[in-house]
């Protein structure tokens, strides 16, 4: 095998069902985030003095812009219009870039006007940018397939888009895990720290909170599972076999996290499920089953379905 063969395979394309599933999911999640940021814009305490540390990439702008409610609303409207047009595959690639850009601006303006930073929208923002790249580079093929009424039958989804999402998620969690180790050492997962956080900030009615507070061993086990899952993000980039295991650990981590602290990492869970679990391999099988079922319903009684039906994704070897 040639050394660059893996790079060559990044250009392989499949039918767009899986890519559209991820895109539509992240668009819905981004809509929920954007609505939340619009509703809770300006949570910085009244009369507080802004600390001159960068809160976002827009911190260089004057406060007349970053603290202006109308600017945030304007970019929220731009996001909504762009998302609808992108969903309908209209005005490409401008609708895709308008959606990705305006969403990240709304998030940045929320940071500029908030007393605390949240990173629940980081994954949504980056996925929008990655998928905007897809629609930018393949805009002509997508438009031509749409005009011919063959969008769903045309190989349009490149492997590199999937690889970028795997790489980003793995790096996102891997750096988070190793930062914990670098800051606190392996003693970060001692169970006591999680018990203190749960006592101070946790939902006492949660089953997970009760488990944490009642047993240091259970608390430490949860922390170790989270730490292994996060550090395993880097392994998931290169190991297809271990990717689902890392995904399950991280999804479980977020389920417990949301249950105990109420932090809204729903987008992260959805993207982990779609990218780290074998949904990409399952999708063409489901599509083939559905097309076969629909095709058989239109066949004369006793006729056999076509054996040459295209099902999309080539077998992934890495």
C-alpha atoms as a PDB file:
ATOM      1  CA  UNK A   1       0.000   0.000   0.000  1.00  0.00           C
ATOM      2  CA  UNK A   2       1.358   3.418  -0.968  1.00  0.00           C
ATOM      3  CA  UNK A   3       2.168   5.758   1.965  1.00  0.00           C
ATOM      4  CA  UNK A   4      -0.342   8.338   0.698  1.00  0.00           C
ATOM      5  CA  UNK A   5      -3.131   5.841   0.042  1.00  0.00           C
ATOM      6  CA  UNK A   6      -4.965   6.842   3.223  1.00  0.00           C
ATOM      7  CA  UNK A   7      -4.903  10.466   2.096  1.00  0.00           C
ATOM      8  CA  UNK A   8      -6.256   9.400  -1.298  1.00  0.00           C
ATOM      9  CA  UNK A   9      -9.180   7.702   0.426  1.00  0.00           C
ATOM     10  CA  UNK A  10     -10.207  10.966   2.082  1.00  0.00           C
ATOM     11  CA  UNK A  11     -11.570  12.031  -1.289  1.00  0.00           C
ATOM     12  CA  UNK A  12     -13.886   9.017  -1.603  1.00  0.00           C
ATOM     13  CA  UNK A  13     -17.536   9.985  -1.685  1.00  0.00           C
ATOM     14  CA  UNK A  14     -20.775   8.330  -0.649  1.00  0.00           C
ATOM     15  CA  UNK A  15     -24.421   9.212  -0.924  1.00  0.00           C
ATOM     16  CA  UNK A  16     -25.374  12.138   1.339  1.00  0.00           C
ATOM     17  CA  UNK A  17     -27.809  10.447   3.743  1.00  0.00           C
ATOM     18  CA  UNK A  18     -25.391  10.263   6.679  1.00  0.00           C
ATOM     19  CA  UNK A  19     -23.982  13.740   6.055  1.00  0.00           C
ATOM     20  CA  UNK A  20     -27.469  15.233   5.912  1.00  0.00           C
ATOM     21  CA  UNK A  21     -28.449  13.406   9.103  1.00  0.00           C
ATOM     22  CA  UNK A  22     -25.521  15.008  10.940  1.00  0.00           C
ATOM     23  CA  UNK A  23     -26.141  18.411   9.347  1.00  0.00           C
ATOM     24  CA  UNK A  24     -29.854  18.486  10.165  1.00  0.00           C
ATOM     25  CA  UNK A  25     -29.160  17.366  13.731  1.00  0.00           C
ATOM     26  CA  UNK A  26     -26.526  20.036  14.316  1.00  0.00           C
ATOM     27  CA  UNK A  27     -28.784  22.692  12.735  1.00  0.00           C
ATOM     28  CA  UNK A  28     -31.572  21.798  15.167  1.00  0.00           C
ATOM     29  CA  UNK A  29     -29.150  21.846  18.100  1.00  0.00           C
ATOM     30  CA  UNK A  30     -27.707  25.178  16.948  1.00  0.00           C
ATOM     31  CA  UNK A  31     -31.237  26.618  16.759  1.00  0.00           C
ATOM     32  CA  UNK A  32     -31.816  25.589  20.383  1.00  0.00           C
ATOM     33  CA  UNK A  33     -28.487  27.100  21.459  1.00  0.00           C
ATOM     34  CA  UNK A  34     -29.119  30.312  19.550  1.00  0.00           C
ATOM     35  CA  UNK A  35     -32.574  30.704  21.087  1.00  0.00           C
ATOM     36  CA  UNK A  36     -31.125  30.163  24.557  1.00  0.00           C
ATOM     37  CA  UNK A  37     -28.334  32.697  24.014  1.00  0.00           C
ATOM     38  CA  UNK A  38     -30.816  35.245  22.684  1.00  0.00           C
ATOM     39  CA  UNK A  39     -33.180  34.782  25.627  1.00  0.00           C
ATOM     40  CA  UNK A  40     -30.434  34.873  28.255  1.00  0.00           C
ATOM     41  CA  UNK A  41     -28.328  37.556  26.577  1.00  0.00           C
ATOM     42  CA  UNK A  42     -26.932  40.130  28.989  1.00  0.00           C
ATOM     43  CA  UNK A  43     -26.612  38.077  32.179  1.00  0.00           C
ATOM     44  CA  UNK A  44     -23.617  40.175  33.224  1.00  0.00           C
ATOM     45  CA  UNK A  45     -24.606  41.806  36.538  1.00  0.00           C
ATOM     46  CA  UNK A  46     -25.953  45.340  36.073  1.00  0.00           C
ATOM     47  CA  UNK A  47     -23.286  47.963  36.645  1.00  0.00           C
ATOM     48  CA  UNK A  48     -20.416  45.463  36.727  1.00  0.00           C
ATOM     49  CA  UNK A  49     -17.108  46.534  35.240  1.00  0.00           C
ATOM     50  CA  UNK A  50     -15.945  44.508  32.301  1.00  0.00           C
ATOM     51  CA  UNK A  51     -12.639  42.733  32.891  1.00  0.00           C
ATOM     52  CA  UNK A  52     -10.278  43.464  30.020  1.00  0.00           C
ATOM     53  CA  UNK A  53      -9.407  39.835  29.366  1.00  0.00           C
ATOM     54  CA  UNK A  54     -10.502  38.376  26.022  1.00  0.00           C
ATOM     55  CA  UNK A  55     -13.809  36.539  26.361  1.00  0.00           C
ATOM     56  CA  UNK A  56     -14.087  35.699  22.667  1.00  0.00           C
ATOM     57  CA  UNK A  57     -12.603  36.436  19.258  1.00  0.00           C
ATOM     58  CA  UNK A  58     -14.789  39.546  19.174  1.00  0.00           C
ATOM     59  CA  UNK A  59     -13.248  41.099  22.292  1.00  0.00           C
ATOM     60  CA  UNK A  60     -11.263  43.523  20.129  1.00  0.00           C
ATOM     61  CA  UNK A  61     -14.507  45.256  19.068  1.00  0.00           C
ATOM     62  CA  UNK A  62     -15.722  48.341  20.982  1.00  0.00           C
ATOM     63  CA  UNK A  63     -18.313  47.819  23.701  1.00  0.00           C
ATOM     64  CA  UNK A  64     -20.783  49.832  21.632  1.00  0.00           C
ATOM     65  CA  UNK A  65     -20.880  46.751  19.401  1.00  0.00           C
ATOM     66  CA  UNK A  66     -20.318  43.820  21.757  1.00  0.00           C
ATOM     67  CA  UNK A  67     -22.778  45.079  24.398  1.00  0.00           C
ATOM     68  CA  UNK A  68     -25.436  46.113  21.884  1.00  0.00           C
ATOM     69  CA  UNK A  69     -28.538  43.946  22.166  1.00  0.00           C
ATOM     70  CA  UNK A  70     -29.603  44.816  18.621  1.00  0.00           C
ATOM     71  CA  UNK A  71     -26.372  43.413  17.162  1.00  0.00           C
ATOM     72  CA  UNK A  72     -26.978  40.067  18.832  1.00  0.00           C
ATOM     73  CA  UNK A  73     -30.602  39.967  17.652  1.00  0.00           C
ATOM     74  CA  UNK A  74     -29.516  40.864  14.119  1.00  0.00           C
ATOM     75  CA  UNK A  75     -27.061  37.988  13.920  1.00  0.00           C
ATOM     76  CA  UNK A  76     -29.693  35.692  15.427  1.00  0.00           C
ATOM     77  CA  UNK A  77     -32.083  36.606  12.602  1.00  0.00           C
ATOM     78  CA  UNK A  78     -29.299  36.067  10.062  1.00  0.00           C
ATOM     79  CA  UNK A  79     -28.634  32.649  11.569  1.00  0.00           C
ATOM     80  CA  UNK A  80     -32.306  31.657  11.364  1.00  0.00           C
ATOM     81  CA  UNK A  81     -32.600  32.781   7.721  1.00  0.00           C
ATOM     82  CA  UNK A  82     -29.355  31.058   6.773  1.00  0.00           C
ATOM     83  CA  UNK A  83     -30.343  27.827   8.521  1.00  0.00           C
ATOM     84  CA  UNK A  84     -33.658  27.636   6.644  1.00  0.00           C
ATOM     85  CA  UNK A  85     -31.971  28.312   3.294  1.00  0.00           C
ATOM     86  CA  UNK A  86     -29.211  25.786   4.035  1.00  0.00           C
ATOM     87  CA  UNK A  87     -31.792  23.183   5.020  1.00  0.00           C
ATOM     88  CA  UNK A  88     -33.530  23.787   1.668  1.00  0.00           C
ATOM     89  CA  UNK A  89     -30.154  23.837  -0.151  1.00  0.00           C
ATOM     90  CA  UNK A  90     -30.687  27.334  -1.490  1.00  0.00           C
ATOM     91  CA  UNK A  91     -28.181  30.166  -2.089  1.00  0.00           C
ATOM     92  CA  UNK A  92     -25.240  27.799  -1.666  1.00  0.00           C
ATOM     93  CA  UNK A  93     -22.625  28.165  -0.338  1.00  0.00           C
ATOM     94  CA  UNK A  94     -23.550  31.582   1.092  1.00  0.00           C
ATOM     95  CA  UNK A  95     -26.412  30.262   3.219  1.00  0.00           C
ATOM     96  CA  UNK A  96     -24.065  27.694   4.791  1.00  0.00           C
ATOM     97  CA  UNK A  97     -21.407  30.276   5.622  1.00  0.00           C
ATOM     98  CA  UNK A  98     -23.986  32.784   6.885  1.00  0.00           C
ATOM     99  CA  UNK A  99     -25.398  30.130   9.229  1.00  0.00           C
ATOM    100  CA  UNK A 100     -22.022  29.033  10.595  1.00  0.00           C
ATOM    101  CA  UNK A 101     -20.639  32.563  10.919  1.00  0.00           C
ATOM    102  CA  UNK A 102     -23.719  34.149  12.510  1.00  0.00           C
ATOM    103  CA  UNK A 103     -24.114  31.302  15.007  1.00  0.00           C
ATOM    104  CA  UNK A 104     -20.553  31.673  16.233  1.00  0.00           C
ATOM    105  CA  UNK A 105     -21.007  35.456  16.458  1.00  0.00           C
ATOM    106  CA  UNK A 106     -24.128  35.002  18.620  1.00  0.00           C
ATOM    107  CA  UNK A 107     -22.184  32.653  20.913  1.00  0.00           C
ATOM    108  CA  UNK A 108     -19.283  35.120  21.125  1.00  0.00           C
ATOM    109  CA  UNK A 109     -21.607  38.044  21.916  1.00  0.00           C
ATOM    110  CA  UNK A 110     -23.231  35.956  24.640  1.00  0.00           C
ATOM    111  CA  UNK A 111     -19.795  35.424  26.180  1.00  0.00           C
ATOM    112  CA  UNK A 112     -19.107  39.149  26.002  1.00  0.00           C
ATOM    113  CA  UNK A 113     -22.298  39.851  27.950  1.00  0.00           C
ATOM    114  CA  UNK A 114     -22.226  36.988  30.443  1.00  0.00           C
ATOM    115  CA  UNK A 115     -20.684  36.730  33.880  1.00  0.00           C
ATOM    116  CA  UNK A 116     -19.513  33.189  33.098  1.00  0.00           C
ATOM    117  CA  UNK A 117     -18.400  31.250  30.041  1.00  0.00           C
ATOM    118  CA  UNK A 118     -20.024  28.050  28.872  1.00  0.00           C
ATOM    119  CA  UNK A 119     -18.656  25.690  26.249  1.00  0.00           C
ATOM    120  CA  UNK A 120     -21.866  23.793  25.510  1.00  0.00           C
ATOM    121  CA  UNK A 121     -22.031  25.324  22.003  1.00  0.00           C
ATOM    122  CA  UNK A 122     -18.432  24.822  20.892  1.00  0.00           C
ATOM    123  CA  UNK A 123     -19.106  21.512  19.142  1.00  0.00           C
ATOM    124  CA  UNK A 124     -22.140  22.889  17.299  1.00  0.00           C
ATOM    125  CA  UNK A 125     -20.159  25.907  16.128  1.00  0.00           C
ATOM    126  CA  UNK A 126     -17.266  23.834  14.800  1.00  0.00           C
ATOM    127  CA  UNK A 127     -19.509  21.256  13.119  1.00  0.00           C
ATOM    128  CA  UNK A 128     -21.336  24.050  11.284  1.00  0.00           C
ATOM    129  CA  UNK A 129     -17.996  25.322   9.986  1.00  0.00           C
ATOM    130  CA  UNK A 130     -16.900  21.835   8.886  1.00  0.00           C
ATOM    131  CA  UNK A 131     -20.168  21.183   7.072  1.00  0.00           C
ATOM    132  CA  UNK A 132     -20.063  24.642   5.487  1.00  0.00           C
ATOM    133  CA  UNK A 133     -16.718  23.574   4.002  1.00  0.00           C
ATOM    134  CA  UNK A 134     -18.419  20.523   2.494  1.00  0.00           C
ATOM    135  CA  UNK A 135     -21.137  22.623   0.894  1.00  0.00           C
ATOM    136  CA  UNK A 136     -18.587  25.188  -0.269  1.00  0.00           C
ATOM    137  CA  UNK A 137     -16.289  22.784  -2.111  1.00  0.00           C
ATOM    138  CA  UNK A 138     -19.106  20.639  -3.537  1.00  0.00           C
ATOM    139  CA  UNK A 139     -21.602  23.424  -4.232  1.00  0.00           C
ATOM    140  CA  UNK A 140     -21.676  22.810  -8.004  1.00  0.00           C
ATOM    141  CA  UNK A 141     -22.175  19.055  -7.681  1.00  0.00           C
ATOM    142  CA  UNK A 142     -24.882  19.592  -5.072  1.00  0.00           C
ATOM    143  CA  UNK A 143     -26.702  22.174  -7.214  1.00  0.00           C
ATOM    144  CA  UNK A 144     -26.461  19.975 -10.320  1.00  0.00           C
ATOM    145  CA  UNK A 145     -27.763  16.919  -8.449  1.00  0.00           C
ATOM    146  CA  UNK A 146     -30.623  18.971  -7.017  1.00  0.00           C
ATOM    147  CA  UNK A 147     -31.622  20.284 -10.439  1.00  0.00           C
ATOM    148  CA  UNK A 148     -31.569  16.749 -11.844  1.00  0.00           C
ATOM    149  CA  UNK A 149     -33.628  15.461  -8.906  1.00  0.00           C
ATOM    150  CA  UNK A 150     -30.847  13.043  -7.962  1.00  0.00           C
ATOM    151  CA  UNK A 151     -29.444  14.591  -4.787  1.00  0.00           C
ATOM    152  CA  UNK A 152     -30.041  11.484  -2.658  1.00  0.00           C
ATOM    153  CA  UNK A 153     -28.743   9.112  -5.346  1.00  0.00           C
ATOM    154  CA  UNK A 154     -25.490  10.965  -6.090  1.00  0.00           C
ATOM    155  CA  UNK A 155     -22.221  10.354  -4.177  1.00  0.00           C
ATOM    156  CA  UNK A 156     -21.693  13.813  -2.676  1.00  0.00           C
ATOM    157  CA  UNK A 157     -20.466  13.232   0.872  1.00  0.00           C
ATOM    158  CA  UNK A 158     -16.637  13.089   1.034  1.00  0.00           C
ATOM    159  CA  UNK A 159     -14.818  11.002   3.602  1.00  0.00           C
ATOM    160  CA  UNK A 160     -12.705  13.985   4.708  1.00  0.00           C
ATOM    161  CA  UNK A 161     -15.776  15.671   6.221  1.00  0.00           C
ATOM    162  CA  UNK A 162     -16.346  12.665   8.449  1.00  0.00           C
ATOM    163  CA  UNK A 163     -12.641  12.502   9.317  1.00  0.00           C
ATOM    164  CA  UNK A 164     -12.614  16.196  10.320  1.00  0.00           C
ATOM    165  CA  UNK A 165     -15.522  15.637  12.718  1.00  0.00           C
ATOM    166  CA  UNK A 166     -13.767  12.605  14.233  1.00  0.00           C
ATOM    167  CA  UNK A 167     -10.534  14.582  14.549  1.00  0.00           C
ATOM    168  CA  UNK A 168     -12.231  17.585  16.134  1.00  0.00           C
ATOM    169  CA  UNK A 169     -14.233  15.585  18.684  1.00  0.00           C
ATOM    170  CA  UNK A 170     -11.196  13.486  19.583  1.00  0.00           C
ATOM    171  CA  UNK A 171      -9.042  16.578  20.030  1.00  0.00           C
ATOM    172  CA  UNK A 172     -11.763  18.448  21.937  1.00  0.00           C
ATOM    173  CA  UNK A 173     -12.118  15.710  24.541  1.00  0.00           C
ATOM    174  CA  UNK A 174      -8.505  14.553  24.500  1.00  0.00           C
ATOM    175  CA  UNK A 175      -7.171  17.997  25.381  1.00  0.00           C
ATOM    176  CA  UNK A 176      -9.815  18.346  28.091  1.00  0.00           C
ATOM    177  CA  UNK A 177      -8.776  15.068  29.684  1.00  0.00           C
ATOM    178  CA  UNK A 178      -5.045  15.675  29.544  1.00  0.00           C
ATOM    179  CA  UNK A 179      -5.536  19.204  30.858  1.00  0.00           C
ATOM    180  CA  UNK A 180      -7.156  17.698  33.965  1.00  0.00           C
ATOM    181  CA  UNK A 181      -4.170  15.385  34.426  1.00  0.00           C
ATOM    182  CA  UNK A 182      -1.672  18.206  33.822  1.00  0.00           C
ATOM    183  CA  UNK A 183      -3.429  20.477  36.320  1.00  0.00           C
ATOM    184  CA  UNK A 184      -4.380  18.052  39.095  1.00  0.00           C
ATOM    185  CA  UNK A 185      -2.603  14.803  38.296  1.00  0.00           C
ATOM    186  CA  UNK A 186      -4.329  11.439  38.472  1.00  0.00           C
ATOM    187  CA  UNK A 187      -5.656  12.449  41.886  1.00  0.00           C
ATOM    188  CA  UNK A 188      -8.285  14.455  39.997  1.00  0.00           C
ATOM    189  CA  UNK A 189     -10.311  11.232  40.015  1.00  0.00           C
ATOM    190  CA  UNK A 190     -10.176  10.751  43.791  1.00  0.00           C
ATOM    191  CA  UNK A 191     -13.943  10.810  44.278  1.00  0.00           C
ATOM    192  CA  UNK A 192     -13.824  13.474  46.998  1.00  0.00           C
ATOM    193  CA  UNK A 193     -13.722  16.407  44.590  1.00  0.00           C
ATOM    194  CA  UNK A 194     -16.804  15.132  42.756  1.00  0.00           C
ATOM    195  CA  UNK A 195     -18.598  14.637  46.071  1.00  0.00           C
ATOM    196  CA  UNK A 196     -17.857  18.248  47.011  1.00  0.00           C
ATOM    197  CA  UNK A 197     -19.094  19.562  43.648  1.00  0.00           C
ATOM    198  CA  UNK A 198     -22.240  17.442  43.872  1.00  0.00           C
ATOM    199  CA  UNK A 199     -22.931  18.655  47.422  1.00  0.00           C
ATOM    200  CA  UNK A 200     -22.475  22.307  46.473  1.00  0.00           C
ATOM    201  CA  UNK A 201     -23.965  22.424  42.978  1.00  0.00           C
ATOM    202  CA  UNK A 202     -25.713  19.109  42.324  1.00  0.00           C
ATOM    203  CA  UNK A 203     -29.382  18.261  41.998  1.00  0.00           C
ATOM    204  CA  UNK A 204     -30.087  16.337  45.188  1.00  0.00           C
ATOM    205  CA  UNK A 205     -33.043  14.547  43.591  1.00  0.00           C
ATOM    206  CA  UNK A 206     -30.831  12.953  40.929  1.00  0.00           C
ATOM    207  CA  UNK A 207     -30.018   9.261  41.278  1.00  0.00           C
ATOM    208  CA  UNK A 208     -26.457  10.014  40.163  1.00  0.00           C
ATOM    209  CA  UNK A 209     -26.082  12.687  42.837  1.00  0.00           C
ATOM    210  CA  UNK A 210     -27.270  10.280  45.509  1.00  0.00           C
ATOM    211  CA  UNK A 211     -24.792   7.641  44.303  1.00  0.00           C
ATOM    212  CA  UNK A 212     -21.941  10.157  44.355  1.00  0.00           C
ATOM    213  CA  UNK A 213     -22.724  11.445  47.822  1.00  0.00           C
ATOM    214  CA  UNK A 214     -23.311   8.008  49.316  1.00  0.00           C
ATOM    215  CA  UNK A 215     -20.128   6.349  48.048  1.00  0.00           C
ATOM    216  CA  UNK A 216     -16.663   7.746  47.431  1.00  0.00           C
ATOM    217  CA  UNK A 217     -15.873   4.594  45.437  1.00  0.00           C
ATOM    218  CA  UNK A 218     -18.801   5.244  43.096  1.00  0.00           C
ATOM    219  CA  UNK A 219     -17.769   8.886  42.753  1.00  0.00           C
ATOM    220  CA  UNK A 220     -14.179   7.914  41.942  1.00  0.00           C
ATOM    221  CA  UNK A 221     -15.377   5.300  39.425  1.00  0.00           C
ATOM    222  CA  UNK A 222     -17.424   7.954  37.649  1.00  0.00           C
ATOM    223  CA  UNK A 223     -14.472  10.319  37.558  1.00  0.00           C
ATOM    224  CA  UNK A 224     -12.156   7.622  36.226  1.00  0.00           C
ATOM    225  CA  UNK A 225     -14.682   6.705  33.517  1.00  0.00           C
ATOM    226  CA  UNK A 226     -14.897  10.364  32.500  1.00  0.00           C
ATOM    227  CA  UNK A 227     -11.112  10.769  32.524  1.00  0.00           C
ATOM    228  CA  UNK A 228     -10.503   7.600  30.491  1.00  0.00           C
ATOM    229  CA  UNK A 229     -13.210   8.638  28.041  1.00  0.00           C
ATOM    230  CA  UNK A 230     -11.823  12.140  27.590  1.00  0.00           C
ATOM    231  CA  UNK A 231      -8.202  11.057  27.225  1.00  0.00           C
ATOM    232  CA  UNK A 232      -9.408   8.286  24.941  1.00  0.00           C
ATOM    233  CA  UNK A 233     -10.618  10.943  22.535  1.00  0.00           C
ATOM    234  CA  UNK A 234      -7.152  11.051  21.003  1.00  0.00           C
ATOM    235  CA  UNK A 235      -7.174   7.268  20.620  1.00  0.00           C
ATOM    236  CA  UNK A 236     -10.581   7.457  18.923  1.00  0.00           C
ATOM    237  CA  UNK A 237      -9.065   9.578  16.161  1.00  0.00           C
ATOM    238  CA  UNK A 238      -6.885   6.709  14.952  1.00  0.00           C
ATOM    239  CA  UNK A 239      -8.711   3.612  16.203  1.00  0.00           C
ATOM    240  CA  UNK A 240     -11.987   2.724  14.537  1.00  0.00           C
ATOM    241  CA  UNK A 241     -12.419  -0.293  16.849  1.00  0.00           C
ATOM    242  CA  UNK A 242     -12.075   1.688  20.087  1.00  0.00           C
ATOM    243  CA  UNK A 243     -14.060   4.693  18.825  1.00  0.00           C
ATOM    244  CA  UNK A 244     -17.483   3.301  19.866  1.00  0.00           C
ATOM    245  CA  UNK A 245     -16.177   2.448  23.361  1.00  0.00           C
ATOM    246  CA  UNK A 246     -14.856   5.986  23.807  1.00  0.00           C
ATOM    247  CA  UNK A 247     -18.161   7.322  22.519  1.00  0.00           C
ATOM    248  CA  UNK A 248     -20.172   5.274  25.016  1.00  0.00           C
ATOM    249  CA  UNK A 249     -17.966   6.424  27.906  1.00  0.00           C
ATOM    250  CA  UNK A 250     -18.352  10.078  26.905  1.00  0.00           C
ATOM    251  CA  UNK A 251     -22.093   9.832  26.317  1.00  0.00           C
ATOM    252  CA  UNK A 252     -22.460   8.245  29.763  1.00  0.00           C
ATOM    253  CA  UNK A 253     -20.310  11.024  31.199  1.00  0.00           C
ATOM    254  CA  UNK A 254     -22.632  13.658  29.731  1.00  0.00           C
ATOM    255  CA  UNK A 255     -25.784  11.862  30.875  1.00  0.00           C
ATOM    256  CA  UNK A 256     -24.493  11.865  34.471  1.00  0.00           C
ATOM    257  CA  UNK A 257     -23.237  15.433  34.106  1.00  0.00           C
ATOM    258  CA  UNK A 258     -26.605  16.712  32.901  1.00  0.00           C
ATOM    259  CA  UNK A 259     -28.449  14.754  35.583  1.00  0.00           C
ATOM    260  CA  UNK A 260     -26.280  16.077  38.420  1.00  0.00           C
ATOM    261  CA  UNK A 261     -25.388  19.619  37.358  1.00  0.00           C
ATOM    262  CA  UNK A 262     -27.853  20.395  34.581  1.00  0.00           C
ATOM    263  CA  UNK A 263     -25.148  21.471  32.130  1.00  0.00           C
ATOM    264  CA  UNK A 264     -26.662  21.358  28.645  1.00  0.00           C
ATOM    265  CA  UNK A 265     -24.211  19.247  26.657  1.00  0.00           C
ATOM    266  CA  UNK A 266     -26.975  17.721  24.550  1.00  0.00           C
ATOM    267  CA  UNK A 267     -25.328  18.664  21.246  1.00  0.00           C
ATOM    268  CA  UNK A 268     -22.122  16.927  22.343  1.00  0.00           C
ATOM    269  CA  UNK A 269     -24.058  13.741  23.097  1.00  0.00           C
ATOM    270  CA  UNK A 270     -25.815  13.768  19.730  1.00  0.00           C
ATOM    271  CA  UNK A 271     -22.586  14.378  17.828  1.00  0.00           C
ATOM    272  CA  UNK A 272     -20.731  11.698  19.803  1.00  0.00           C
ATOM    273  CA  UNK A 273     -23.493   9.229  18.969  1.00  0.00           C
ATOM    274  CA  UNK A 274     -23.490  10.148  15.268  1.00  0.00           C
ATOM    275  CA  UNK A 275     -19.695  10.267  14.854  1.00  0.00           C
ATOM    276  CA  UNK A 276     -18.116   7.861  17.367  1.00  0.00           C
ATOM    277  CA  UNK A 277     -20.786   5.161  17.233  1.00  0.00           C
ATOM    278  CA  UNK A 278     -21.033   3.262  13.907  1.00  0.00           C
ATOM    279  CA  UNK A 279     -23.987   5.310  12.640  1.00  0.00           C
ATOM    280  CA  UNK A 280     -22.092   6.095   9.442  1.00  0.00           C
ATOM    281  CA  UNK A 281     -21.903   2.366   8.663  1.00  0.00           C
ATOM    282  CA  UNK A 282     -25.501   1.722   9.704  1.00  0.00           C
ATOM    283  CA  UNK A 283     -27.014   4.550   7.649  1.00  0.00           C
ATOM    284  CA  UNK A 284     -26.529   3.061   4.147  1.00  0.00           C
ATOM    285  CA  UNK A 285     -27.839  -0.278   5.417  1.00  0.00           C
ATOM    286  CA  UNK A 286     -31.005   1.396   6.694  1.00  0.00           C
ATOM    287  CA  UNK A 287     -31.322   3.335   3.421  1.00  0.00           C
ATOM    288  CA  UNK A 288     -30.874   0.144   1.376  1.00  0.00           C
ATOM    289  CA  UNK A 289     -33.511  -1.622   3.483  1.00  0.00           C
ATOM    290  CA  UNK A 290     -35.914   1.283   3.069  1.00  0.00           C
ATOM    291  CA  UNK A 291     -35.307   1.564  -0.681  1.00  0.00           C
ATOM    292  CA  UNK A 292     -35.701  -2.182  -1.057  1.00  0.00           C
ATOM    293  CA  UNK A 293     -38.949  -2.097   0.876  1.00  0.00           C
ATOM    294  CA  UNK A 294     -40.255   0.832  -1.156  1.00  0.00           C
ATOM    295  CA  UNK A 295     -39.072  -0.767  -4.403  1.00  0.00           C
ATOM    296  CA  UNK A 296     -40.629  -4.130  -3.601  1.00  0.00           C
ATOM    297  CA  UNK A 297     -43.962  -2.445  -2.881  1.00  0.00           C
ATOM    298  CA  UNK A 298     -44.028  -1.209  -6.499  1.00  0.00           C
ATOM    299  CA  UNK A 299     -42.911  -4.496  -8.071  1.00  0.00           C
ATOM    300  CA  UNK A 300     -45.352  -6.954  -9.641  1.00  0.00           C
ATOM    301  CA  UNK A 301     -46.104  -9.939  -7.442  1.00  0.00           C
ATOM    302  CA  UNK A 302     -43.266 -12.443  -7.627  1.00  0.00           C
ATOM    303  CA  UNK A 303     -40.752 -10.033  -9.145  1.00  0.00           C
ATOM    304  CA  UNK A 304     -37.293  -9.791  -7.534  1.00  0.00           C
ATOM    305  CA  UNK A 305     -35.755  -6.483  -6.446  1.00  0.00           C
ATOM    306  CA  UNK A 306     -32.742  -5.167  -8.363  1.00  0.00           C
ATOM    307  CA  UNK A 307     -29.423  -6.557  -7.194  1.00  0.00           C
ATOM    308  CA  UNK A 308     -27.569  -3.530  -8.502  1.00  0.00           C
ATOM    309  CA  UNK A 309     -29.012  -0.955  -6.135  1.00  0.00           C
ATOM    310  CA  UNK A 310     -26.317   1.472  -4.930  1.00  0.00           C
ATOM    311  CA  UNK A 311     -26.157   1.632  -1.144  1.00  0.00           C
ATOM    312  CA  UNK A 312     -23.495   4.277  -0.686  1.00  0.00           C
ATOM    313  CA  UNK A 313     -20.660   4.086   1.816  1.00  0.00           C
ATOM    314  CA  UNK A 314     -17.612   1.975   0.912  1.00  0.00           C
ATOM    315  CA  UNK A 315     -16.338  -0.261   3.669  1.00  0.00           C
ATOM    316  CA  UNK A 316     -14.235   1.749   6.109  1.00  0.00           C
ATOM    317  CA  UNK A 317     -10.863   0.202   6.905  1.00  0.00           C
ATOM    318  CA  UNK A 318      -9.603   2.849   9.265  1.00  0.00           C
END
